[in-house]
C-alpha atoms as a PDB file:
ATOM      1  CA  MET A   1      10.494  32.544  40.884  1.00  0.00           C
ATOM      2  CA  TYR A   2      10.642  36.285  41.426  1.00  0.00           C
ATOM      3  CA  GLY A   3      10.386  38.470  38.339  1.00  0.00           C
ATOM      4  CA  LYS A   4       8.342  35.904  36.417  1.00  0.00           C
ATOM      5  CA  THR A   5       4.665  35.843  35.593  1.00  0.00           C
ATOM      6  CA  LEU A   6       2.414  33.336  37.300  1.00  0.00           C
ATOM      7  CA  SER A   7       1.957  31.592  33.964  1.00  0.00           C
ATOM      8  CA  GLN A   8       5.740  31.195  33.637  1.00  0.00           C
ATOM      9  CA  CYS A   9       5.917  29.863  37.190  1.00  0.00           C
ATOM     10  CA  ARG A  10       3.073  27.462  36.436  1.00  0.00           C
ATOM     11  CA  GLU A  11       4.814  26.094  33.350  1.00  0.00           C
ATOM     12  CA  GLU A  12       8.110  25.720  35.227  1.00  0.00           C
ATOM     13  CA  LEU A  13       6.360  23.868  38.052  1.00  0.00           C
ATOM     14  CA  ILE A  14       4.628  21.530  35.603  1.00  0.00           C
ATOM     15  CA  GLU A  15       7.975  20.704  33.993  1.00  0.00           C
ATOM     16  CA  TYR A  16       9.586  20.278  37.425  1.00  0.00           C
ATOM     17  CA  ILE A  17       6.817  17.910  38.547  1.00  0.00           C
ATOM     18  CA  LYS A  18       7.167  15.856  35.365  1.00  0.00           C
ATOM     19  CA  ARG A  19      10.953  15.573  35.858  1.00  0.00           C
ATOM     20  CA  GLU A  20      10.611  14.644  39.535  1.00  0.00           C
ATOM     21  CA  GLU A  21       7.878  12.083  38.827  1.00  0.00           C
ATOM     22  CA  SER A  22      10.034  10.525  36.114  1.00  0.00           C
ATOM     23  CA  TYR A  23      13.007  10.496  38.480  1.00  0.00           C
ATOM     24  CA  LEU A  24      10.898   8.927  41.228  1.00  0.00           C
ATOM     25  CA  ASN A  25       9.577   6.263  38.864  1.00  0.00           C
ATOM     26  CA  THR A  26      13.158   5.400  37.906  1.00  0.00           C
ATOM     27  CA  LEU A  27      14.197   5.187  41.554  1.00  0.00           C
ATOM     28  CA  GLU A  28      11.261   2.979  42.432  1.00  0.00           C
ATOM     29  CA  MET A  29      12.341   0.516  39.742  1.00  0.00           C
ATOM     30  CA  THR A  30      15.910   0.438  41.098  1.00  0.00           C
ATOM     31  CA  PRO A  31      16.265  -2.257  43.757  1.00  0.00           C
ATOM     32  CA  ASN A  32      17.945  -1.397  47.064  1.00  0.00           C
ATOM     33  CA  PHE A  33      18.068   2.355  46.362  1.00  0.00           C
ATOM     34  CA  LEU A  34      18.091   4.677  49.337  1.00  0.00           C
ATOM     35  CA  GLU A  35      14.588   5.138  50.711  1.00  0.00           C
ATOM     36  CA  LYS A  36      15.553   8.608  51.896  1.00  0.00           C
ATOM     37  CA  ILE A  37      16.038   9.798  48.308  1.00  0.00           C
ATOM     38  CA  LYS A  38      12.654   8.399  47.272  1.00  0.00           C
ATOM     39  CA  GLN A  39      10.989  10.128  50.227  1.00  0.00           C
ATOM     40  CA  GLU A  40      12.697  13.399  49.321  1.00  0.00           C
ATOM     41  CA  ALA A  41      11.474  13.123  45.731  1.00  0.00           C
ATOM     42  CA  ARG A  42       7.905  12.469  46.947  1.00  0.00           C
ATOM     43  CA  GLU A  43       8.074  15.490  49.252  1.00  0.00           C
ATOM     44  CA  ASN A  44       9.457  17.725  46.477  1.00  0.00           C
ATOM     45  CA  ILE A  45       6.613  16.652  44.192  1.00  0.00           C
ATOM     46  CA  ARG A  46       4.047  17.270  46.930  1.00  0.00           C
ATOM     47  CA  LYS A  47       5.401  20.773  47.586  1.00  0.00           C
ATOM     48  CA  ALA A  48       5.560  21.638  43.889  1.00  0.00           C
ATOM     49  CA  LYS A  49       1.998  20.427  43.342  1.00  0.00           C
ATOM     50  CA  GLN A  50       0.799  22.556  46.262  1.00  0.00           C
ATOM     51  CA  GLU A  51       2.557  25.618  44.807  1.00  0.00           C
ATOM     52  CA  LEU A  52       1.089  24.831  41.406  1.00  0.00           C
ATOM     53  CA  LYS A  53      -2.396  24.519  42.871  1.00  0.00           C
ATOM     54  CA  GLU A  54      -2.075  27.943  44.510  1.00  0.00           C
ATOM     55  CA  ILE A  55      -0.876  29.536  41.253  1.00  0.00           C
ATOM     56  CA  GLU A  56      -3.634  27.851  39.270  1.00  0.00           C
ATOM     57  CA  LYS A  57      -6.279  29.218  41.662  1.00  0.00           C
ATOM     58  CA  ILE A  58      -4.980  32.714  40.948  1.00  0.00           C
ATOM     59  CA  LEU A  59      -4.859  32.037  37.204  1.00  0.00           C
ATOM     60  CA  GLY A  60      -8.484  30.981  37.147  1.00  0.00           C
ATOM     61  CA  GLY A  61      -8.747  27.292  37.857  1.00  0.00           C
ATOM     62  CA  LYS A  62      -6.478  25.628  35.300  1.00  0.00           C
ATOM     63  CA  GLU A  63      -5.421  22.262  36.637  1.00  0.00           C
ATOM     64  CA  TYR A  64      -2.194  20.346  36.032  1.00  0.00           C
ATOM     65  CA  GLY A  65      -2.861  17.453  33.728  1.00  0.00           C
ATOM     66  CA  LYS A  66      -6.100  19.010  32.439  1.00  0.00           C
ATOM     67  CA  HIS A  67      -4.746  21.564  29.977  1.00  0.00           C
END
């Protein structure tokens, strides 16, 4: 994310979270899929949301899902 503004990083993280959540929802509807992949997707979403929260604090309190 180097060389980008915080706003650009924020937008990229929001898009990433949306893609990962969609992917996770698809996996959760697929029977007998590897639990490890679902756990990895959950962890990726958690990390991205934490990064997003830190960026949003710097940007002045915008919150994902409330824009």
